[in-house]
N, C-alpha and C. Protein backbone atom coordinates (compact mmCIF):
# COMPACT_ATOMS: atom_id res chain seq x y z
N MET A 1 42.09 53.21 187.15
CA MET A 1 43.41 53.81 187.24
C MET A 1 43.91 53.78 188.68
N THR A 2 45.19 53.58 188.81
CA THR A 2 45.77 53.57 190.15
C THR A 2 46.21 54.98 190.52
N ALA A 3 46.52 55.15 191.78
CA ALA A 3 46.97 56.46 192.26
C ALA A 3 48.29 56.86 191.61
N ALA A 4 49.17 55.87 191.39
CA ALA A 4 50.47 56.16 190.76
C ALA A 4 50.29 56.64 189.33
N SER A 5 49.38 56.01 188.58
CA SER A 5 49.19 56.43 187.19
C SER A 5 48.50 57.79 187.11
N LEU A 6 47.65 58.09 188.08
CA LEU A 6 47.03 59.40 188.12
C LEU A 6 48.07 60.49 188.35
N ARG A 7 48.95 60.24 189.27
CA ARG A 7 49.99 61.22 189.55
C ARG A 7 50.91 61.41 188.35
N LEU A 8 51.25 60.33 187.69
CA LEU A 8 52.12 60.41 186.52
C LEU A 8 51.45 61.19 185.41
N SER A 9 50.16 60.97 185.20
CA SER A 9 49.46 61.69 184.15
C SER A 9 49.30 63.17 184.48
N GLU A 10 49.27 63.49 185.75
CA GLU A 10 49.19 64.89 186.15
C GLU A 10 50.51 65.61 185.91
N ILE A 11 51.60 64.90 186.07
CA ILE A 11 52.94 65.49 185.94
C ILE A 11 53.34 65.64 184.48
N LEU A 12 53.12 64.59 183.70
CA LEU A 12 53.59 64.59 182.31
C LEU A 12 52.52 65.13 181.37
N PRO A 13 52.89 66.04 180.48
CA PRO A 13 51.94 66.46 179.44
C PRO A 13 51.63 65.28 178.53
N GLU A 14 50.44 65.26 177.96
CA GLU A 14 49.99 64.12 177.17
C GLU A 14 50.85 63.85 175.94
N ASN A 15 51.29 64.87 175.25
CA ASN A 15 51.99 64.70 173.99
C ASN A 15 53.51 64.64 174.11
N LYS A 16 54.04 64.71 175.32
CA LYS A 16 55.49 64.71 175.50
C LYS A 16 55.98 63.30 175.78
N PRO A 17 57.04 62.84 175.10
CA PRO A 17 57.60 61.52 175.39
C PRO A 17 58.38 61.55 176.70
N LEU A 18 58.50 60.38 177.34
CA LEU A 18 59.28 60.28 178.58
C LEU A 18 60.76 60.55 178.33
N VAL A 19 61.27 60.08 177.22
CA VAL A 19 62.68 60.23 176.86
C VAL A 19 62.76 61.16 175.67
N SER A 20 63.79 61.99 175.63
CA SER A 20 63.91 62.89 174.49
C SER A 20 64.07 62.08 173.21
N GLU A 21 63.63 62.66 172.10
CA GLU A 21 63.66 61.94 170.84
C GLU A 21 65.07 61.61 170.40
N ARG A 22 66.01 62.50 170.67
CA ARG A 22 67.41 62.25 170.31
C ARG A 22 68.21 62.15 171.58
N THR A 23 68.61 60.96 171.91
CA THR A 23 69.40 60.77 173.11
C THR A 23 70.89 60.78 172.81
N MET A 24 71.26 60.55 171.57
CA MET A 24 72.67 60.55 171.19
C MET A 24 72.96 61.74 170.29
N PRO A 25 74.16 62.32 170.43
CA PRO A 25 74.50 63.42 169.52
C PRO A 25 74.63 62.90 168.09
N THR A 26 74.37 63.77 167.13
CA THR A 26 74.42 63.37 165.73
C THR A 26 75.78 63.66 165.13
N LEU A 27 76.21 62.82 164.22
CA LEU A 27 77.46 63.03 163.51
C LEU A 27 77.24 63.69 162.17
N GLN A 28 75.99 63.83 161.77
CA GLN A 28 75.70 64.37 160.45
C GLN A 28 76.14 65.82 160.32
N GLY A 29 76.25 66.53 161.43
CA GLY A 29 76.72 67.90 161.40
C GLY A 29 78.17 68.01 160.97
N SER A 30 78.92 66.91 161.08
CA SER A 30 80.32 66.90 160.68
C SER A 30 80.49 66.81 159.18
N LEU A 31 79.44 66.42 158.49
CA LEU A 31 79.48 66.29 157.03
C LEU A 31 78.90 67.54 156.39
N PRO A 32 79.28 67.81 155.15
CA PRO A 32 78.64 68.92 154.43
C PRO A 32 77.13 68.67 154.36
N PRO A 33 76.31 69.73 154.45
CA PRO A 33 74.85 69.54 154.47
C PRO A 33 74.31 68.82 153.25
N GLU A 34 74.95 68.99 152.09
CA GLU A 34 74.46 68.30 150.90
C GLU A 34 74.62 66.79 151.01
N LEU A 35 75.56 66.32 151.85
CA LEU A 35 75.70 64.88 152.09
C LEU A 35 74.78 64.43 153.21
N ALA A 36 74.77 65.17 154.29
CA ALA A 36 74.00 64.76 155.47
C ALA A 36 72.50 64.75 155.21
N ASN A 37 72.02 65.63 154.36
CA ASN A 37 70.58 65.74 154.13
C ASN A 37 70.09 64.92 152.95
N ASN A 38 70.97 64.34 152.17
CA ASN A 38 70.58 63.63 150.97
C ASN A 38 71.13 62.21 151.01
N VAL A 39 70.26 61.24 151.15
CA VAL A 39 70.68 59.85 151.28
C VAL A 39 71.38 59.36 150.02
N VAL A 40 70.92 59.79 148.84
CA VAL A 40 71.52 59.35 147.58
C VAL A 40 72.97 59.83 147.50
N ARG A 41 73.21 61.07 147.87
CA ARG A 41 74.59 61.58 147.84
C ARG A 41 75.45 60.89 148.88
N LEU A 42 74.89 60.61 150.04
CA LEU A 42 75.61 59.89 151.08
C LEU A 42 75.97 58.49 150.58
N TYR A 43 75.04 57.84 149.92
CA TYR A 43 75.27 56.52 149.34
C TYR A 43 76.40 56.56 148.31
N ARG A 44 76.37 57.55 147.43
CA ARG A 44 77.41 57.67 146.40
C ARG A 44 78.78 57.91 147.02
N GLU A 45 78.82 58.75 148.04
CA GLU A 45 80.10 59.02 148.70
C GLU A 45 80.62 57.77 149.40
N CYS A 46 79.73 57.01 150.01
CA CYS A 46 80.13 55.74 150.64
C CYS A 46 80.67 54.77 149.59
N LEU A 47 80.03 54.73 148.42
CA LEU A 47 80.52 53.86 147.34
C LEU A 47 81.89 54.31 146.85
N ARG A 48 82.10 55.62 146.75
CA ARG A 48 83.42 56.13 146.33
C ARG A 48 84.50 55.70 147.31
N ARG A 49 84.21 55.88 148.59
CA ARG A 49 85.18 55.49 149.62
C ARG A 49 85.42 53.98 149.61
N ALA A 50 84.36 53.22 149.42
CA ALA A 50 84.49 51.76 149.38
C ALA A 50 85.34 51.33 148.19
N THR A 51 85.16 51.99 147.05
CA THR A 51 85.96 51.68 145.86
C THR A 51 87.42 52.01 146.13
N PHE A 52 87.67 53.14 146.75
CA PHE A 52 89.04 53.56 147.07
C PHE A 52 89.71 52.54 147.99
N ILE A 53 89.01 52.18 149.06
CA ILE A 53 89.56 51.20 150.01
C ILE A 53 89.75 49.85 149.33
N GLY A 54 88.78 49.44 148.54
CA GLY A 54 88.84 48.15 147.86
C GLY A 54 90.02 48.06 146.91
N LYS A 55 90.31 49.15 146.20
CA LYS A 55 91.46 49.13 145.29
C LYS A 55 92.77 49.00 146.05
N GLN A 56 92.86 49.63 147.20
CA GLN A 56 94.08 49.53 148.00
C GLN A 56 94.26 48.13 148.56
N GLN A 57 93.17 47.49 148.91
CA GLN A 57 93.25 46.17 149.55
C GLN A 57 92.95 45.03 148.58
N HIS A 58 92.76 45.37 147.32
CA HIS A 58 92.51 44.39 146.25
C HIS A 58 91.26 43.53 146.51
N ASN A 59 90.23 44.15 147.06
CA ASN A 59 88.96 43.46 147.26
C ASN A 59 87.79 44.42 147.02
N THR A 60 87.86 45.16 145.93
CA THR A 60 86.88 46.20 145.62
C THR A 60 85.46 45.65 145.60
N GLU A 61 85.26 44.54 144.92
CA GLU A 61 83.90 43.99 144.80
C GLU A 61 83.30 43.67 146.16
N LEU A 62 84.10 43.13 147.05
CA LEU A 62 83.62 42.77 148.38
C LEU A 62 83.21 44.01 149.18
N VAL A 63 84.07 45.02 149.21
CA VAL A 63 83.80 46.22 150.01
C VAL A 63 82.62 47.00 149.45
N VAL A 64 82.59 47.19 148.13
CA VAL A 64 81.47 47.89 147.49
C VAL A 64 80.18 47.10 147.70
N GLY A 65 80.26 45.79 147.60
CA GLY A 65 79.09 44.94 147.82
C GLY A 65 78.53 45.08 149.23
N MET A 66 79.42 45.21 150.21
CA MET A 66 78.98 45.38 151.59
C MET A 66 78.22 46.70 151.77
N VAL A 67 78.74 47.77 151.16
CA VAL A 67 78.06 49.07 151.25
C VAL A 67 76.69 48.99 150.57
N ARG A 68 76.66 48.42 149.38
CA ARG A 68 75.39 48.29 148.65
C ARG A 68 74.38 47.47 149.45
N GLN A 69 74.86 46.39 150.04
CA GLN A 69 73.99 45.51 150.80
C GLN A 69 73.36 46.25 151.99
N GLN A 70 74.14 47.05 152.70
CA GLN A 70 73.62 47.78 153.85
C GLN A 70 72.56 48.81 153.44
N PHE A 71 72.84 49.55 152.36
CA PHE A 71 71.86 50.54 151.92
C PHE A 71 70.60 49.85 151.38
N LYS A 72 70.79 48.76 150.63
CA LYS A 72 69.64 48.05 150.06
C LYS A 72 68.78 47.42 151.16
N LYS A 73 69.44 46.92 152.19
CA LYS A 73 68.73 46.28 153.30
C LYS A 73 67.76 47.26 153.98
N HIS A 74 68.12 48.53 154.01
CA HIS A 74 67.32 49.53 154.72
C HIS A 74 66.62 50.51 153.79
N MET A 75 66.54 50.21 152.51
CA MET A 75 65.99 51.18 151.56
C MET A 75 64.50 51.48 151.76
N ASN A 76 63.77 50.58 152.38
CA ASN A 76 62.33 50.80 152.60
C ASN A 76 62.01 51.27 154.01
N GLU A 77 63.03 51.67 154.74
CA GLU A 77 62.83 52.14 156.12
C GLU A 77 62.03 53.44 156.12
N THR A 78 61.02 53.52 156.98
CA THR A 78 60.17 54.71 157.04
C THR A 78 60.24 55.43 158.39
N ASP A 79 60.78 54.78 159.40
CA ASP A 79 60.87 55.38 160.72
C ASP A 79 61.95 56.47 160.72
N PRO A 80 61.57 57.74 160.93
CA PRO A 80 62.55 58.84 160.87
C PRO A 80 63.71 58.67 161.86
N GLU A 81 63.42 58.14 163.04
CA GLU A 81 64.48 57.95 164.04
C GLU A 81 65.49 56.91 163.57
N LYS A 82 65.00 55.82 163.00
CA LYS A 82 65.87 54.76 162.48
C LYS A 82 66.69 55.28 161.29
N ILE A 83 66.05 56.04 160.41
CA ILE A 83 66.76 56.62 159.26
C ILE A 83 67.87 57.54 159.75
N HIS A 84 67.57 58.34 160.75
CA HIS A 84 68.57 59.24 161.32
C HIS A 84 69.76 58.45 161.86
N LYS A 85 69.49 57.34 162.56
CA LYS A 85 70.56 56.51 163.10
C LYS A 85 71.39 55.89 161.98
N LEU A 86 70.73 55.41 160.94
CA LEU A 86 71.45 54.80 159.82
C LEU A 86 72.33 55.82 159.11
N LYS A 87 71.81 57.04 158.95
CA LYS A 87 72.61 58.09 158.33
C LYS A 87 73.80 58.46 159.21
N ASP A 88 73.60 58.45 160.53
CA ASP A 88 74.72 58.70 161.45
C ASP A 88 75.78 57.61 161.32
N ASP A 89 75.35 56.37 161.20
CA ASP A 89 76.30 55.26 161.04
C ASP A 89 77.12 55.43 159.76
N ALA A 90 76.46 55.81 158.68
CA ALA A 90 77.17 56.03 157.41
C ALA A 90 78.13 57.21 157.55
N ALA A 91 77.69 58.27 158.21
CA ALA A 91 78.54 59.44 158.42
C ALA A 91 79.76 59.06 159.25
N ARG A 92 79.56 58.24 160.28
CA ARG A 92 80.66 57.79 161.13
C ARG A 92 81.69 57.02 160.31
N GLY A 93 81.22 56.17 159.42
CA GLY A 93 82.14 55.43 158.56
C GLY A 93 82.95 56.34 157.66
N LEU A 94 82.30 57.33 157.07
CA LEU A 94 83.02 58.28 156.21
C LEU A 94 84.04 59.09 157.00
N ILE A 95 83.64 59.57 158.16
CA ILE A 95 84.54 60.37 158.99
C ILE A 95 85.74 59.54 159.44
N ASN A 96 85.50 58.31 159.86
CA ASN A 96 86.60 57.44 160.28
C ASN A 96 87.58 57.22 159.14
N HIS A 97 87.06 57.01 157.93
CA HIS A 97 87.94 56.80 156.80
C HIS A 97 88.75 58.05 156.49
N MET A 98 88.11 59.22 156.55
CA MET A 98 88.83 60.47 156.28
C MET A 98 89.92 60.71 157.33
N LEU A 99 89.63 60.42 158.60
CA LEU A 99 90.63 60.57 159.65
C LEU A 99 91.79 59.60 159.44
N PHE A 100 91.47 58.37 159.09
CA PHE A 100 92.50 57.36 158.84
C PHE A 100 93.42 57.79 157.71
N GLU A 101 92.84 58.26 156.61
CA GLU A 101 93.65 58.71 155.47
C GLU A 101 94.48 59.94 155.83
N SER A 102 93.91 60.84 156.61
CA SER A 102 94.64 62.03 157.04
C SER A 102 95.82 61.65 157.91
N GLU A 103 95.61 60.72 158.83
CA GLU A 103 96.69 60.25 159.69
C GLU A 103 97.79 59.57 158.89
N LYS A 104 97.39 58.83 157.88
CA LYS A 104 98.36 58.14 157.03
C LYS A 104 99.22 59.15 156.27
N LEU A 105 98.59 60.21 155.75
CA LEU A 105 99.32 61.21 154.98
C LEU A 105 100.26 62.05 155.85
N THR A 106 99.80 62.43 157.03
CA THR A 106 100.60 63.30 157.88
C THR A 106 101.55 62.53 158.78
N GLY A 107 101.27 61.27 159.01
CA GLY A 107 102.13 60.46 159.88
C GLY A 107 101.88 60.69 161.35
N ARG A 108 100.81 61.38 161.71
CA ARG A 108 100.50 61.59 163.12
C ARG A 108 99.01 61.41 163.36
N LYS A 109 98.68 61.16 164.62
CA LYS A 109 97.29 60.95 165.00
C LYS A 109 96.54 62.27 164.97
N VAL A 110 95.32 62.24 164.42
CA VAL A 110 94.47 63.43 164.40
C VAL A 110 93.80 63.61 165.75
N SER A 111 93.34 62.52 166.34
CA SER A 111 92.69 62.59 167.65
C SER A 111 93.10 61.38 168.47
N GLN A 112 93.20 61.58 169.76
CA GLN A 112 93.55 60.49 170.66
C GLN A 112 92.49 60.37 171.73
N ARG A 113 92.19 59.15 172.12
CA ARG A 113 91.24 58.92 173.22
C ARG A 113 92.03 58.66 174.48
N SER A 114 91.51 59.13 175.59
CA SER A 114 92.18 58.94 176.89
C SER A 114 91.82 57.62 177.49
């Protein structure tokens, strides 16, 4: 062992990671807990939104197929961190769609970026 590694091992506890497990804030808190905690319900809600968007744009099969493909591609994922990220991505898509529809109905922007 080198002197640098000895010092590092003295400073850091053995079981603590160098970087925190969650470096990005989660979007799942923006969804109802029954959606955020249940992948099947999240999948169904994504399919509902995809069907809605597809009917408006006359490409339902394509949009629903894309959602199915993404969930199917990751259905055997076991890494909790990766699953959390995938659920956040799905939540982000749902939230973006809800904001878009809300803006369309009210005729004004819900949020603006600087």
